Amino acid sequence: MKLKFCFLFLILCQFSFGQSISLSVDGYYQGMNLYVSNPYQSDGFGFCISKVLVNGNVLPATIQNEHFEIDLSLFSLKKGQEVFIELEHYEGCSPRFINPEVLLPNSTFNLVNLSATSSGKVSWSTKNESGRLPFIVEQYKWGRWVAAGEVAGLGINEINNYSLEIIPHSGVNKVRISQTDNSGKKRASRSEDFTSKIKKVIKTPAKVQTSIFFKSDGKAFKTKYEMYDAFGNLLKKGYDNEVDCSNLLNGIYFINFDNKSEKFIKY
């Protein structure tokens, strides 16, 4: 009886201390391979990782090294294809992915066409995307490119069609499409012009006591705005036909609205 108990205890110990846990990373295949740091087990016998799975398939290569490469080309992956990599390893040791950033999507899109209607509907088509990255629709106003909206990219290497309704300003509008990937660099398309049907937008009064009002064609009109103090600090932004200024200190301020920038005095 005592012998049976000892045997059972040894089996339970082996199960407990030999149990595997996993470390995983996912992303998109960009044509580059992953490198892994594979330390020894806590008892010093053998390496930490017991198995490598790529999209559920076992890596057909040796992993009994302190560092090894996961050759993703062995799995016939297409560029931009989603990939999930899992390291099964023993407890008490910590393997790690050395360069997981190679699975982050790159901005590789080519613009096929870009157009916009007078009401502000922007439509565009792309090809050669290699991972899901958001597309930012930008408007040129206030002396710079301003983000007007965002659409999730499909990330597949074929013709992809997108559209987004933005808020146009009066007169001629200029728009473009951009993406920013893990490099931190923005890639922008060519720009496209369109003319809206909105008439000139004005603000009143020049000297402000409580509020600023926006009007077009003699009527109250909603517009996007940004308000700054004399030092260039952003104080308020929004989309409305009126801006409450009652809490501002007396002094000089600047406001961007519609497609223009103006100075005003609070008293």
C-alpha atoms as a PDB file:
ATOM      1  CA  MET A   1       0.000   0.000   0.000  1.00  0.00           C
ATOM      2  CA  LYS A   2       2.850   2.361   0.956  1.00  0.00           C
ATOM      3  CA  LEU A   3       4.572   1.467  -2.348  1.00  0.00           C
ATOM      4  CA  LYS A   4       1.444   2.344  -4.353  1.00  0.00           C
ATOM      5  CA  PHE A   5       1.152   5.672  -2.565  1.00  0.00           C
ATOM      6  CA  CYS A   6       4.781   6.574  -3.341  1.00  0.00           C
ATOM      7  CA  PHE A   7       4.346   5.637  -6.994  1.00  0.00           C
ATOM      8  CA  LEU A   8       1.208   7.783  -7.252  1.00  0.00           C
ATOM      9  CA  PHE A   9       3.005  10.689  -5.545  1.00  0.00           C
ATOM     10  CA  LEU A  10       5.860  10.503  -8.078  1.00  0.00           C
ATOM     11  CA  ILE A  11       3.413  10.561 -10.996  1.00  0.00           C
ATOM     12  CA  LEU A  12       1.637  13.615  -9.579  1.00  0.00           C
ATOM     13  CA  CYS A  13       4.965  15.403  -9.054  1.00  0.00           C
ATOM     14  CA  GLN A  14       6.025  14.730 -12.641  1.00  0.00           C
ATOM     15  CA  PHE A  15       2.719  16.085 -13.914  1.00  0.00           C
ATOM     16  CA  SER A  16       2.919  19.173 -11.717  1.00  0.00           C
ATOM     17  CA  PHE A  17       6.523  20.149 -12.392  1.00  0.00           C
ATOM     18  CA  GLY A  18       6.650  19.105 -16.032  1.00  0.00           C
ATOM     19  CA  GLN A  19       3.550  21.030 -17.005  1.00  0.00           C
ATOM     20  CA  SER A  20       3.839  23.325 -20.051  1.00  0.00           C
ATOM     21  CA  ILE A  21       2.687  26.925 -20.295  1.00  0.00           C
ATOM     22  CA  SER A  22       2.705  29.110 -23.365  1.00  0.00           C
ATOM     23  CA  LEU A  23       3.878  32.480 -24.647  1.00  0.00           C
ATOM     24  CA  SER A  24       2.346  33.838 -27.842  1.00  0.00           C
ATOM     25  CA  VAL A  25       2.482  36.723 -30.300  1.00  0.00           C
ATOM     26  CA  ASP A  26       0.324  37.548 -33.298  1.00  0.00           C
ATOM     27  CA  GLY A  27       0.489  39.910 -36.250  1.00  0.00           C
ATOM     28  CA  TYR A  28       0.969  39.848 -40.004  1.00  0.00           C
ATOM     29  CA  TYR A  29       3.612  38.131 -42.102  1.00  0.00           C
ATOM     30  CA  GLN A  30       5.871  40.797 -43.623  1.00  0.00           C
ATOM     31  CA  GLY A  31       8.426  38.488 -45.263  1.00  0.00           C
ATOM     32  CA  MET A  32      10.737  38.472 -42.225  1.00  0.00           C
ATOM     33  CA  ASN A  33      11.461  35.796 -39.622  1.00  0.00           C
ATOM     34  CA  LEU A  34      11.225  35.814 -35.835  1.00  0.00           C
ATOM     35  CA  TYR A  35      14.108  35.147 -33.472  1.00  0.00           C
ATOM     36  CA  VAL A  36      13.639  33.571 -30.059  1.00  0.00           C
ATOM     37  CA  SER A  37      15.665  33.551 -26.850  1.00  0.00           C
ATOM     38  CA  ASN A  38      15.433  30.056 -25.342  1.00  0.00           C
ATOM     39  CA  PRO A  39      17.028  29.798 -21.856  1.00  0.00           C
ATOM     40  CA  TYR A  40      17.731  26.595 -19.962  1.00  0.00           C
ATOM     41  CA  GLN A  41      15.085  25.100 -17.709  1.00  0.00           C
ATOM     42  CA  SER A  42      15.222  26.095 -14.041  1.00  0.00           C
ATOM     43  CA  ASP A  43      16.851  22.777 -13.096  1.00  0.00           C
ATOM     44  CA  GLY A  44      19.577  23.289 -15.715  1.00  0.00           C
ATOM     45  CA  PHE A  45      18.603  20.210 -17.737  1.00  0.00           C
ATOM     46  CA  GLY A  46      17.479  20.995 -21.254  1.00  0.00           C
ATOM     47  CA  PHE A  47      16.082  24.115 -22.857  1.00  0.00           C
ATOM     48  CA  CYS A  48      12.936  25.947 -21.826  1.00  0.00           C
ATOM     49  CA  ILE A  49      10.832  25.660 -25.002  1.00  0.00           C
ATOM     50  CA  SER A  50       9.277  22.306 -25.795  1.00  0.00           C
ATOM     51  CA  LYS A  51       7.302  23.163 -28.942  1.00  0.00           C
ATOM     52  CA  VAL A  52       6.720  26.028 -31.424  1.00  0.00           C
ATOM     53  CA  LEU A  53       3.376  26.370 -33.202  1.00  0.00           C
ATOM     54  CA  VAL A  54       2.702  28.651 -36.172  1.00  0.00           C
ATOM     55  CA  ASN A  55      -1.027  29.019 -36.862  1.00  0.00           C
ATOM     56  CA  GLY A  56      -1.468  25.708 -35.056  1.00  0.00           C
ATOM     57  CA  ASN A  57       1.240  23.891 -37.047  1.00  0.00           C
ATOM     58  CA  VAL A  58       4.429  22.588 -35.404  1.00  0.00           C
ATOM     59  CA  LEU A  59       7.667  24.263 -36.513  1.00  0.00           C
ATOM     60  CA  PRO A  60       9.630  21.545 -38.403  1.00  0.00           C
ATOM     61  CA  ALA A  61      13.054  22.670 -37.196  1.00  0.00           C
ATOM     62  CA  THR A  62      15.360  22.197 -34.238  1.00  0.00           C
ATOM     63  CA  ILE A  63      14.656  24.404 -31.228  1.00  0.00           C
ATOM     64  CA  GLN A  64      17.243  22.962 -28.850  1.00  0.00           C
ATOM     65  CA  ASN A  65      19.454  26.036 -28.902  1.00  0.00           C
ATOM     66  CA  GLU A  66      19.830  29.103 -26.712  1.00  0.00           C
ATOM     67  CA  HIS A  67      18.691  31.222 -29.667  1.00  0.00           C
ATOM     68  CA  PHE A  68      16.875  30.023 -32.764  1.00  0.00           C
ATOM     69  CA  GLU A  69      15.014  31.362 -35.783  1.00  0.00           C
ATOM     70  CA  ILE A  70      11.369  30.722 -36.640  1.00  0.00           C
ATOM     71  CA  ASP A  71      11.484  30.489 -40.424  1.00  0.00           C
ATOM     72  CA  LEU A  72       7.973  31.571 -41.423  1.00  0.00           C
ATOM     73  CA  SER A  73       8.610  30.807 -45.097  1.00  0.00           C
ATOM     74  CA  LEU A  74       8.252  27.111 -44.159  1.00  0.00           C
ATOM     75  CA  PHE A  75       4.496  27.648 -43.770  1.00  0.00           C
ATOM     76  CA  SER A  76       3.739  29.057 -47.258  1.00  0.00           C
ATOM     77  CA  LEU A  77       2.415  32.306 -45.808  1.00  0.00           C
ATOM     78  CA  LYS A  78       1.433  35.173 -48.075  1.00  0.00           C
ATOM     79  CA  LYS A  79       2.656  38.654 -47.281  1.00  0.00           C
ATOM     80  CA  GLY A  80       0.074  40.390 -45.116  1.00  0.00           C
ATOM     81  CA  GLN A  81      -1.455  37.110 -43.911  1.00  0.00           C
ATOM     82  CA  GLU A  82      -2.374  36.896 -40.229  1.00  0.00           C
ATOM     83  CA  VAL A  83      -0.050  34.744 -38.163  1.00  0.00           C
ATOM     84  CA  PHE A  84      -0.251  33.434 -34.585  1.00  0.00           C
ATOM     85  CA  ILE A  85       2.909  32.021 -33.015  1.00  0.00           C
ATOM     86  CA  GLU A  86       2.932  30.102 -29.748  1.00  0.00           C
ATOM     87  CA  LEU A  87       5.868  28.916 -27.675  1.00  0.00           C
ATOM     88  CA  GLU A  88       5.063  26.011 -25.379  1.00  0.00           C
ATOM     89  CA  HIS A  89       7.572  25.951 -22.535  1.00  0.00           C
ATOM     90  CA  TYR A  90       8.213  24.575 -19.068  1.00  0.00           C
ATOM     91  CA  GLU A  91       7.470  26.455 -15.872  1.00  0.00           C
ATOM     92  CA  GLY A  92      10.255  28.253 -14.050  1.00  0.00           C
ATOM     93  CA  CYS A  93      11.908  29.707 -17.167  1.00  0.00           C
ATOM     94  CA  SER A  94      11.052  32.629 -19.456  1.00  0.00           C
ATOM     95  CA  PRO A  95      11.662  32.480 -23.206  1.00  0.00           C
ATOM     96  CA  ARG A  96      11.066  35.626 -25.251  1.00  0.00           C
ATOM     97  CA  PHE A  97      10.590  36.840 -28.792  1.00  0.00           C
ATOM     98  CA  ILE A  98      13.606  38.981 -29.717  1.00  0.00           C
ATOM     99  CA  ASN A  99      12.077  40.911 -32.639  1.00  0.00           C
ATOM    100  CA  PRO A 100       8.244  40.727 -32.455  1.00  0.00           C
ATOM    101  CA  GLU A 101       8.021  44.059 -34.319  1.00  0.00           C
ATOM    102  CA  VAL A 102       8.579  42.188 -37.617  1.00  0.00           C
ATOM    103  CA  LEU A 103       4.933  41.050 -37.372  1.00  0.00           C
ATOM    104  CA  LEU A 104       3.573  44.593 -37.190  1.00  0.00           C
ATOM    105  CA  PRO A 105       1.904  45.717 -40.435  1.00  0.00           C
ATOM    106  CA  ASN A 106       3.716  48.109 -42.754  1.00  0.00           C
ATOM    107  CA  SER A 107       2.006  50.800 -44.778  1.00  0.00           C
ATOM    108  CA  THR A 108       2.414  49.582 -48.364  1.00  0.00           C
ATOM    109  CA  PHE A 109      -0.848  50.717 -49.983  1.00  0.00           C
ATOM    110  CA  ASN A 110      -0.976  52.181 -53.478  1.00  0.00           C
ATOM    111  CA  LEU A 111      -3.798  54.607 -54.196  1.00  0.00           C
ATOM    112  CA  VAL A 112      -5.866  53.559 -57.203  1.00  0.00           C
ATOM    113  CA  ASN A 113      -8.303  56.490 -57.159  1.00  0.00           C
ATOM    114  CA  LEU A 114      -9.555  59.265 -54.887  1.00  0.00           C
ATOM    115  CA  SER A 115     -12.657  61.425 -55.275  1.00  0.00           C
ATOM    116  CA  ALA A 116     -15.005  63.586 -53.207  1.00  0.00           C
ATOM    117  CA  THR A 117     -18.492  65.040 -53.614  1.00  0.00           C
ATOM    118  CA  SER A 118     -19.602  68.571 -52.748  1.00  0.00           C
ATOM    119  CA  SER A 119     -21.360  67.217 -49.646  1.00  0.00           C
ATOM    120  CA  GLY A 120     -18.071  65.804 -48.290  1.00  0.00           C
ATOM    121  CA  LYS A 121     -18.281  62.114 -49.168  1.00  0.00           C
ATOM    122  CA  VAL A 122     -14.692  60.984 -49.773  1.00  0.00           C
ATOM    123  CA  SER A 123     -14.197  57.724 -51.698  1.00  0.00           C
ATOM    124  CA  TRP A 124     -10.955  55.950 -52.486  1.00  0.00           C
ATOM    125  CA  SER A 125      -9.573  52.621 -53.684  1.00  0.00           C
ATOM    126  CA  THR A 126      -6.254  50.999 -52.839  1.00  0.00           C
ATOM    127  CA  LYS A 127      -4.197  47.945 -53.672  1.00  0.00           C
ATOM    128  CA  ASN A 128      -1.098  46.219 -52.242  1.00  0.00           C
ATOM    129  CA  GLU A 129      -2.061  46.534 -48.564  1.00  0.00           C
ATOM    130  CA  SER A 130      -0.034  44.175 -46.369  1.00  0.00           C
ATOM    131  CA  GLY A 131      -1.741  44.427 -42.979  1.00  0.00           C
ATOM    132  CA  ARG A 132      -4.683  46.047 -41.251  1.00  0.00           C
ATOM    133  CA  LEU A 133      -3.886  49.693 -40.596  1.00  0.00           C
ATOM    134  CA  PRO A 134      -6.379  52.551 -40.274  1.00  0.00           C
ATOM    135  CA  PHE A 135      -6.723  55.069 -43.092  1.00  0.00           C
ATOM    136  CA  ILE A 136      -6.936  58.694 -41.966  1.00  0.00           C
ATOM    137  CA  VAL A 137      -8.862  61.138 -44.151  1.00  0.00           C
ATOM    138  CA  GLU A 138      -7.192  64.541 -43.864  1.00  0.00           C
ATOM    139  CA  GLN A 139      -8.412  68.033 -44.791  1.00  0.00           C
ATOM    140  CA  TYR A 140      -6.092  70.921 -45.524  1.00  0.00           C
ATOM    141  CA  LYS A 141      -7.180  73.973 -43.535  1.00  0.00           C
ATOM    142  CA  TRP A 142      -5.809  76.419 -40.966  1.00  0.00           C
ATOM    143  CA  GLY A 143      -2.435  76.130 -42.675  1.00  0.00           C
ATOM    144  CA  ARG A 144      -1.991  72.408 -42.036  1.00  0.00           C
ATOM    145  CA  TRP A 145      -3.390  68.931 -42.680  1.00  0.00           C
ATOM    146  CA  VAL A 146      -6.097  68.111 -40.125  1.00  0.00           C
ATOM    147  CA  ALA A 147      -7.523  64.619 -39.437  1.00  0.00           C
ATOM    148  CA  ALA A 148     -11.177  64.566 -40.494  1.00  0.00           C
ATOM    149  CA  GLY A 149     -12.002  60.889 -39.898  1.00  0.00           C
ATOM    150  CA  GLU A 150     -10.725  57.322 -39.813  1.00  0.00           C
ATOM    151  CA  VAL A 151     -11.590  54.055 -41.580  1.00  0.00           C
ATOM    152  CA  ALA A 152     -10.175  50.605 -40.751  1.00  0.00           C
ATOM    153  CA  GLY A 153      -8.076  49.202 -43.600  1.00  0.00           C
ATOM    154  CA  LEU A 154      -8.818  45.702 -44.906  1.00  0.00           C
ATOM    155  CA  GLY A 155      -5.124  44.874 -45.237  1.00  0.00           C
ATOM    156  CA  ILE A 156      -5.420  42.510 -48.196  1.00  0.00           C
ATOM    157  CA  ASN A 157      -3.483  42.527 -51.447  1.00  0.00           C
ATOM    158  CA  GLU A 158      -6.287  43.307 -53.874  1.00  0.00           C
ATOM    159  CA  ILE A 159      -8.469  46.278 -54.848  1.00  0.00           C
ATOM    160  CA  ASN A 160     -10.121  47.610 -51.686  1.00  0.00           C
ATOM    161  CA  ASN A 161     -12.829  50.286 -51.737  1.00  0.00           C
ATOM    162  CA  TYR A 162     -13.515  52.768 -48.938  1.00  0.00           C
ATOM    163  CA  SER A 163     -15.608  55.864 -48.258  1.00  0.00           C
ATOM    164  CA  LEU A 164     -16.181  58.343 -45.446  1.00  0.00           C
ATOM    165  CA  GLU A 165     -18.447  61.356 -44.916  1.00  0.00           C
ATOM    166  CA  ILE A 166     -16.512  64.369 -43.626  1.00  0.00           C
ATOM    167  CA  ILE A 167     -17.645  67.881 -42.690  1.00  0.00           C
ATOM    168  CA  PRO A 168     -16.629  70.196 -45.540  1.00  0.00           C
ATOM    169  CA  HIS A 169     -15.832  73.867 -45.113  1.00  0.00           C
ATOM    170  CA  SER A 170     -16.923  76.662 -47.417  1.00  0.00           C
ATOM    171  CA  GLY A 171     -15.293  77.033 -50.827  1.00  0.00           C
ATOM    172  CA  VAL A 172     -12.599  74.742 -52.188  1.00  0.00           C
ATOM    173  CA  ASN A 173     -11.671  71.787 -49.975  1.00  0.00           C
ATOM    174  CA  LYS A 174      -8.510  69.714 -50.293  1.00  0.00           C
ATOM    175  CA  VAL A 175      -8.404  66.121 -48.975  1.00  0.00           C
ATOM    176  CA  ARG A 176      -5.963  63.219 -48.924  1.00  0.00           C
ATOM    177  CA  ILE A 177      -5.561  59.741 -47.388  1.00  0.00           C
ATOM    178  CA  SER A 178      -2.746  58.737 -45.045  1.00  0.00           C
ATOM    179  CA  GLN A 179      -1.471  55.842 -42.930  1.00  0.00           C
ATOM    180  CA  THR A 180       1.093  55.634 -40.126  1.00  0.00           C
ATOM    181  CA  ASP A 181       2.656  52.249 -39.342  1.00  0.00           C
ATOM    182  CA  ASN A 182       5.044  50.984 -36.653  1.00  0.00           C
ATOM    183  CA  SER A 183       7.903  53.047 -38.131  1.00  0.00           C
ATOM    184  CA  GLY A 184       6.079  56.173 -36.965  1.00  0.00           C
ATOM    185  CA  LYS A 185       6.346  57.739 -40.422  1.00  0.00           C
ATOM    186  CA  LYS A 186       3.210  58.955 -42.164  1.00  0.00           C
ATOM    187  CA  ARG A 187       2.558  57.883 -45.762  1.00  0.00           C
ATOM    188  CA  ALA A 188       0.154  60.222 -47.518  1.00  0.00           C
ATOM    189  CA  SER A 189      -1.577  59.977 -50.890  1.00  0.00           C
ATOM    190  CA  ARG A 190      -1.925  62.697 -53.476  1.00  0.00           C
ATOM    191  CA  SER A 191      -4.595  65.268 -52.666  1.00  0.00           C
ATOM    192  CA  GLU A 192      -7.966  65.857 -54.313  1.00  0.00           C
ATOM    193  CA  ASP A 193      -9.934  69.132 -54.476  1.00  0.00           C
ATOM    194  CA  PHE A 194     -13.694  69.596 -54.337  1.00  0.00           C
ATOM    195  CA  THR A 195     -15.946  72.612 -53.908  1.00  0.00           C
ATOM    196  CA  SER A 196     -18.655  72.558 -51.275  1.00  0.00           C
ATOM    197  CA  LYS A 197     -22.007  74.335 -51.500  1.00  0.00           C
ATOM    198  CA  ILE A 198     -21.462  76.031 -48.127  1.00  0.00           C
ATOM    199  CA  LYS A 199     -21.445  79.807 -48.291  1.00  0.00           C
ATOM    200  CA  LYS A 200     -18.888  81.954 -46.528  1.00  0.00           C
ATOM    201  CA  VAL A 201     -18.862  81.484 -42.750  1.00  0.00           C
ATOM    202  CA  ILE A 202     -18.314  84.501 -40.483  1.00  0.00           C
ATOM    203  CA  LYS A 203     -17.914  84.921 -36.732  1.00  0.00           C
ATOM    204  CA  THR A 204     -19.302  87.677 -34.523  1.00  0.00           C
ATOM    205  CA  PRO A 205     -18.590  89.806 -32.568  1.00  0.00           C
ATOM    206  CA  ALA A 206     -15.011  91.089 -32.954  1.00  0.00           C
ATOM    207  CA  LYS A 207     -14.871  91.962 -29.245  1.00  0.00           C
ATOM    208  CA  VAL A 208     -16.295  89.121 -27.194  1.00  0.00           C
ATOM    209  CA  GLN A 209     -17.937  89.334 -23.804  1.00  0.00           C
ATOM    210  CA  THR A 210     -19.756  86.010 -23.410  1.00  0.00           C
ATOM    211  CA  SER A 211     -19.938  84.035 -26.688  1.00  0.00           C
ATOM    212  CA  ILE A 212     -18.766  83.784 -30.283  1.00  0.00           C
ATOM    213  CA  PHE A 213     -21.397  83.050 -32.929  1.00  0.00           C
ATOM    214  CA  PHE A 214     -20.907  81.514 -36.377  1.00  0.00           C
ATOM    215  CA  LYS A 215     -23.177  82.398 -39.304  1.00  0.00           C
ATOM    216  CA  SER A 216     -23.495  81.520 -42.970  1.00  0.00           C
ATOM    217  CA  ASP A 217     -25.878  83.267 -45.330  1.00  0.00           C
ATOM    218  CA  GLY A 218     -27.209  85.250 -42.365  1.00  0.00           C
ATOM    219  CA  LYS A 219     -28.175  82.140 -40.357  1.00  0.00           C
ATOM    220  CA  ALA A 220     -26.615  80.319 -37.400  1.00  0.00           C
ATOM    221  CA  PHE A 221     -24.209  77.719 -38.791  1.00  0.00           C
ATOM    222  CA  LYS A 222     -22.306  74.823 -37.200  1.00  0.00           C
ATOM    223  CA  THR A 223     -18.597  74.646 -37.980  1.00  0.00           C
ATOM    224  CA  LYS A 224     -15.529  72.929 -36.563  1.00  0.00           C
ATOM    225  CA  TYR A 225     -13.395  75.258 -34.457  1.00  0.00           C
ATOM    226  CA  GLU A 226     -10.235  75.440 -32.353  1.00  0.00           C
ATOM    227  CA  MET A 227      -9.488  78.211 -29.860  1.00  0.00           C
ATOM    228  CA  TYR A 228      -5.973  79.207 -28.689  1.00  0.00           C
ATOM    229  CA  ASP A 229      -4.559  81.696 -26.243  1.00  0.00           C
ATOM    230  CA  ALA A 230      -1.825  84.215 -27.127  1.00  0.00           C
ATOM    231  CA  PHE A 231       0.861  81.603 -26.298  1.00  0.00           C
ATOM    232  CA  GLY A 232      -0.539  79.003 -28.709  1.00  0.00           C
ATOM    233  CA  ASN A 233      -2.137  76.766 -26.080  1.00  0.00           C
ATOM    234  CA  LEU A 234      -5.269  74.961 -27.264  1.00  0.00           C
ATOM    235  CA  LEU A 235      -8.183  75.954 -25.015  1.00  0.00           C
ATOM    236  CA  LYS A 236     -11.282  74.621 -26.750  1.00  0.00           C
ATOM    237  CA  LYS A 237     -12.296  72.664 -29.827  1.00  0.00           C
ATOM    238  CA  GLY A 238     -15.580  71.344 -31.143  1.00  0.00           C
ATOM    239  CA  TYR A 239     -18.346  71.543 -33.732  1.00  0.00           C
ATOM    240  CA  ASP A 240     -21.086  74.081 -33.036  1.00  0.00           C
ATOM    241  CA  ASN A 241     -22.634  77.403 -34.027  1.00  0.00           C
ATOM    242  CA  GLU A 242     -21.658  79.049 -30.745  1.00  0.00           C
ATOM    243  CA  VAL A 243     -18.639  79.029 -28.426  1.00  0.00           C
ATOM    244  CA  ASP A 244     -18.963  79.963 -24.772  1.00  0.00           C
ATOM    245  CA  CYS A 245     -16.191  82.415 -23.824  1.00  0.00           C
ATOM    246  CA  SER A 246     -17.545  83.539 -20.445  1.00  0.00           C
ATOM    247  CA  ASN A 247     -14.805  81.695 -18.546  1.00  0.00           C
ATOM    248  CA  LEU A 248     -11.918  83.274 -20.504  1.00  0.00           C
ATOM    249  CA  LEU A 249      -9.728  85.943 -18.963  1.00  0.00           C
ATOM    250  CA  ASN A 250      -9.648  89.294 -20.707  1.00  0.00           C
ATOM    251  CA  GLY A 251      -7.065  89.403 -23.465  1.00  0.00           C
ATOM    252  CA  ILE A 252      -6.183  88.410 -27.023  1.00  0.00           C
ATOM    253  CA  TYR A 253      -7.140  84.990 -28.433  1.00  0.00           C
ATOM    254  CA  PHE A 254      -7.105  83.188 -31.778  1.00  0.00           C
ATOM    255  CA  ILE A 255      -9.782  80.975 -33.278  1.00  0.00           C
ATOM    256  CA  ASN A 256      -9.697  78.592 -36.241  1.00  0.00           C
ATOM    257  CA  PHE A 257     -13.081  77.964 -37.847  1.00  0.00           C
ATOM    258  CA  ASP A 258     -14.429  76.974 -41.252  1.00  0.00           C
ATOM    259  CA  ASN A 259     -11.270  77.378 -43.379  1.00  0.00           C
ATOM    260  CA  LYS A 260      -9.858  80.508 -41.725  1.00  0.00           C
ATOM    261  CA  SER A 261      -8.017  81.750 -38.656  1.00  0.00           C
ATOM    262  CA  GLU A 262      -8.879  85.014 -36.881  1.00  0.00           C
ATOM    263  CA  LYS A 263      -7.937  86.977 -33.794  1.00  0.00           C
ATOM    264  CA  PHE A 264     -10.460  88.251 -31.229  1.00  0.00           C
ATOM    265  CA  ILE A 265     -10.425  90.196 -27.985  1.00  0.00           C
ATOM    266  CA  LYS A 266     -12.159  89.054 -24.815  1.00  0.00           C
ATOM    267  CA  TYR A 267     -13.165  91.877 -22.470  1.00  0.00           C
END
